[in-house]
């Protein structure tokens, strides 16, 4: 899954973390409610990268591909 996310991020010339944040934000349309990702960071560099993710536009096909990857994730968080 990580390789697929990384590949799509490279195609869009963004960081994988930015792609993930853009996907979470794109879920708003699917769910019909506002969804706002709240990433945490200690470094200004990563904060700036996270904020820039708000400008990433995903196509319906890209969202569907990421949805499919998310559906493959199973198991506990820890």
N, C-alpha and C. Protein backbone atom coordinates (compact mmCIF):
# COMPACT_ATOMS: atom_id res chain seq x y z
N UNK A 1 0.81 -1.18 0.00
CA UNK A 1 0.00 0.00 0.00
C UNK A 1 0.87 1.26 0.00
N UNK A 2 1.91 1.22 0.81
CA UNK A 2 2.78 2.40 0.90
C UNK A 2 3.43 2.70 -0.45
N UNK A 3 3.81 1.66 -1.18
CA UNK A 3 4.43 1.87 -2.49
C UNK A 3 3.44 2.50 -3.46
N UNK A 4 2.17 2.10 -3.40
CA UNK A 4 1.15 2.66 -4.28
C UNK A 4 0.90 4.13 -3.95
N UNK A 5 0.85 4.46 -2.67
CA UNK A 5 0.67 5.86 -2.26
C UNK A 5 1.87 6.68 -2.70
N UNK A 6 3.05 6.14 -2.48
CA UNK A 6 4.27 6.84 -2.88
C UNK A 6 4.30 7.09 -4.39
N UNK A 7 3.89 6.11 -5.16
CA UNK A 7 3.89 6.25 -6.62
C UNK A 7 2.91 7.34 -7.06
N UNK A 8 1.72 7.34 -6.49
CA UNK A 8 0.73 8.36 -6.85
C UNK A 8 1.22 9.75 -6.42
N UNK A 9 1.84 9.83 -5.25
CA UNK A 9 2.38 11.11 -4.79
C UNK A 9 3.46 11.61 -5.75
N UNK A 10 4.30 10.70 -6.21
CA UNK A 10 5.35 11.10 -7.16
C UNK A 10 4.73 11.60 -8.46
N UNK A 11 3.67 10.96 -8.93
CA UNK A 11 2.98 11.40 -10.15
C UNK A 11 2.45 12.82 -10.00
N UNK A 12 1.97 13.14 -8.81
CA UNK A 12 1.40 14.46 -8.55
C UNK A 12 2.44 15.47 -8.08
N UNK A 13 3.69 15.00 -7.90
CA UNK A 13 4.80 15.84 -7.43
C UNK A 13 4.51 16.44 -6.05
N UNK A 14 4.01 15.58 -5.15
CA UNK A 14 3.74 15.97 -3.77
C UNK A 14 4.31 14.89 -2.85
N UNK A 15 4.40 15.18 -1.58
CA UNK A 15 4.87 14.20 -0.60
C UNK A 15 3.74 13.22 -0.29
N UNK A 16 4.07 11.98 0.03
CA UNK A 16 3.03 11.02 0.41
C UNK A 16 2.13 11.51 1.54
N UNK A 17 2.72 12.20 2.52
CA UNK A 17 1.92 12.73 3.63
C UNK A 17 0.93 13.77 3.12
N UNK A 18 1.33 14.59 2.16
CA UNK A 18 0.43 15.58 1.59
C UNK A 18 -0.71 14.89 0.85
N UNK A 19 -0.40 13.84 0.13
CA UNK A 19 -1.43 13.09 -0.59
C UNK A 19 -2.43 12.51 0.39
N UNK A 20 -1.94 11.97 1.49
CA UNK A 20 -2.83 11.39 2.50
C UNK A 20 -3.75 12.46 3.09
N UNK A 21 -3.21 13.63 3.39
CA UNK A 21 -4.03 14.71 3.93
C UNK A 21 -5.06 15.18 2.90
N UNK A 22 -4.67 15.27 1.65
CA UNK A 22 -5.61 15.68 0.60
C UNK A 22 -6.72 14.65 0.45
N UNK A 23 -6.39 13.37 0.58
CA UNK A 23 -7.40 12.32 0.50
C UNK A 23 -8.39 12.42 1.65
N UNK A 24 -7.89 12.62 2.87
CA UNK A 24 -8.79 12.76 4.03
C UNK A 24 -9.74 13.93 3.80
N UNK A 25 -9.21 15.04 3.31
CA UNK A 25 -10.04 16.21 3.04
C UNK A 25 -11.07 15.90 1.94
N UNK A 26 -10.68 15.14 0.94
CA UNK A 26 -11.59 14.79 -0.16
C UNK A 26 -12.73 13.89 0.30
N UNK A 27 -12.57 13.24 1.42
CA UNK A 27 -13.63 12.37 1.94
C UNK A 27 -14.89 13.15 2.31
N UNK A 28 -14.76 14.46 2.50
CA UNK A 28 -15.92 15.30 2.82
C UNK A 28 -17.04 15.10 1.81
N UNK A 29 -16.69 15.12 0.55
CA UNK A 29 -17.70 14.98 -0.51
C UNK A 29 -18.39 13.63 -0.43
N UNK A 30 -17.63 12.59 -0.21
CA UNK A 30 -18.19 11.24 -0.14
C UNK A 30 -19.09 11.06 1.08
N UNK A 31 -18.66 11.61 2.19
CA UNK A 31 -19.40 11.45 3.44
C UNK A 31 -20.55 12.44 3.59
N UNK A 32 -20.49 13.53 2.85
CA UNK A 32 -21.53 14.54 2.93
C UNK A 32 -21.44 15.43 4.16
N UNK A 33 -20.32 15.40 4.83
CA UNK A 33 -20.07 16.26 5.99
C UNK A 33 -18.65 16.80 5.89
N UNK A 34 -18.40 17.94 6.51
CA UNK A 34 -17.02 18.46 6.47
C UNK A 34 -16.06 17.52 7.20
N UNK A 35 -14.94 17.27 6.57
CA UNK A 35 -13.88 16.46 7.17
C UNK A 35 -12.61 17.30 7.10
N UNK A 36 -12.00 17.54 8.24
CA UNK A 36 -10.80 18.35 8.29
C UNK A 36 -9.70 17.55 8.96
N UNK A 37 -8.66 17.20 8.21
CA UNK A 37 -7.55 16.48 8.84
C UNK A 37 -6.80 17.41 9.78
N UNK A 38 -6.37 16.89 10.90
CA UNK A 38 -5.62 17.68 11.87
C UNK A 38 -4.29 16.96 12.13
N UNK A 39 -3.31 17.23 11.29
CA UNK A 39 -2.01 16.58 11.49
C UNK A 39 -1.24 17.25 12.62
N UNK A 40 -0.39 16.50 13.24
CA UNK A 40 0.46 17.05 14.29
C UNK A 40 1.90 17.09 13.83
N UNK A 41 2.62 18.09 14.28
CA UNK A 41 4.04 18.19 13.95
C UNK A 41 4.73 19.11 14.94
N UNK A 42 6.03 18.98 15.03
CA UNK A 42 6.83 19.84 15.89
C UNK A 42 7.72 20.77 15.07
N UNK A 43 7.75 20.57 13.77
CA UNK A 43 8.68 21.31 12.92
C UNK A 43 7.92 22.20 11.94
N UNK A 44 8.41 23.42 11.77
CA UNK A 44 7.79 24.37 10.85
C UNK A 44 7.79 23.81 9.43
N UNK A 45 8.87 23.14 9.06
CA UNK A 45 8.99 22.57 7.71
C UNK A 45 7.81 21.65 7.42
N UNK A 46 7.46 20.78 8.36
CA UNK A 46 6.37 19.84 8.14
C UNK A 46 5.01 20.53 8.23
N UNK A 47 4.92 21.55 9.07
CA UNK A 47 3.68 22.32 9.15
C UNK A 47 3.38 22.97 7.80
N UNK A 48 4.40 23.56 7.21
CA UNK A 48 4.22 24.20 5.90
C UNK A 48 3.83 23.16 4.84
N UNK A 49 4.44 21.99 4.90
CA UNK A 49 4.09 20.92 3.96
C UNK A 49 2.65 20.48 4.17
N UNK A 50 2.24 20.34 5.43
CA UNK A 50 0.87 19.94 5.72
C UNK A 50 -0.13 20.96 5.22
N UNK A 51 0.14 22.24 5.44
CA UNK A 51 -0.77 23.30 5.00
C UNK A 51 -0.88 23.30 3.47
N UNK A 52 0.22 23.06 2.79
CA UNK A 52 0.21 23.04 1.32
C UNK A 52 -0.66 21.92 0.78
N UNK A 53 -0.92 20.90 1.57
CA UNK A 53 -1.77 19.79 1.13
C UNK A 53 -3.19 20.25 0.84
N UNK A 54 -3.62 21.35 1.45
CA UNK A 54 -4.97 21.87 1.22
C UNK A 54 -5.17 22.32 -0.22
N UNK A 55 -4.09 22.59 -0.93
CA UNK A 55 -4.19 23.05 -2.32
C UNK A 55 -4.14 21.91 -3.33
N UNK A 56 -3.98 20.68 -2.87
CA UNK A 56 -3.88 19.54 -3.77
C UNK A 56 -5.29 19.10 -4.16
N UNK A 57 -5.52 19.02 -5.45
CA UNK A 57 -6.81 18.56 -5.95
C UNK A 57 -6.65 17.13 -6.47
N UNK A 58 -7.53 16.28 -6.03
CA UNK A 58 -7.51 14.88 -6.45
C UNK A 58 -8.67 14.64 -7.41
N UNK A 59 -8.40 13.86 -8.44
CA UNK A 59 -9.46 13.48 -9.36
C UNK A 59 -10.31 12.39 -8.70
N UNK A 60 -11.48 12.16 -9.28
CA UNK A 60 -12.35 11.10 -8.77
C UNK A 60 -11.64 9.74 -8.84
N UNK A 61 -10.87 9.52 -9.89
CA UNK A 61 -10.14 8.26 -10.04
C UNK A 61 -9.06 8.11 -8.97
N UNK A 62 -8.39 9.22 -8.65
CA UNK A 62 -7.35 9.17 -7.61
C UNK A 62 -7.97 8.89 -6.24
N UNK A 63 -9.10 9.55 -5.96
CA UNK A 63 -9.79 9.30 -4.69
C UNK A 63 -10.23 7.84 -4.61
N UNK A 64 -10.77 7.33 -5.71
CA UNK A 64 -11.22 5.93 -5.73
C UNK A 64 -10.05 4.98 -5.51
N UNK A 65 -8.91 5.27 -6.12
CA UNK A 65 -7.73 4.42 -5.94
C UNK A 65 -7.28 4.44 -4.48
N UNK A 66 -7.28 5.61 -3.87
CA UNK A 66 -6.87 5.71 -2.47
C UNK A 66 -7.91 5.07 -1.55
N UNK A 67 -9.19 5.20 -1.89
CA UNK A 67 -10.23 4.52 -1.13
C UNK A 67 -9.99 3.01 -1.13
N UNK A 68 -9.65 2.49 -2.31
CA UNK A 68 -9.38 1.06 -2.43
C UNK A 68 -8.21 0.62 -1.58
N UNK A 69 -7.18 1.45 -1.54
CA UNK A 69 -6.02 1.13 -0.70
C UNK A 69 -6.41 1.16 0.77
N UNK A 70 -7.20 2.16 1.16
CA UNK A 70 -7.61 2.27 2.56
C UNK A 70 -8.44 1.06 2.98
N UNK A 71 -9.23 0.54 2.05
CA UNK A 71 -10.07 -0.62 2.35
C UNK A 71 -9.22 -1.86 2.64
N UNK A 72 -7.99 -1.88 2.17
CA UNK A 72 -7.10 -3.01 2.39
C UNK A 72 -6.46 -2.99 3.78
N UNK A 73 -6.50 -1.85 4.43
CA UNK A 73 -5.88 -1.73 5.76
C UNK A 73 -6.73 -2.44 6.79
N UNK A 74 -6.13 -3.37 7.50
CA UNK A 74 -6.85 -4.12 8.52
C UNK A 74 -5.98 -4.25 9.76
N UNK A 75 -6.61 -4.55 10.85
CA UNK A 75 -5.86 -4.78 12.08
C UNK A 75 -5.91 -3.61 13.02
N UNK A 76 -5.32 -3.79 14.17
CA UNK A 76 -5.29 -2.77 15.19
C UNK A 76 -4.30 -1.68 14.86
N UNK A 77 -4.48 -0.57 15.49
CA UNK A 77 -3.58 0.56 15.28
C UNK A 77 -2.23 0.30 15.91
N UNK A 78 -2.20 -0.35 17.04
CA UNK A 78 -0.94 -0.57 17.75
C UNK A 78 -0.60 -2.04 17.80
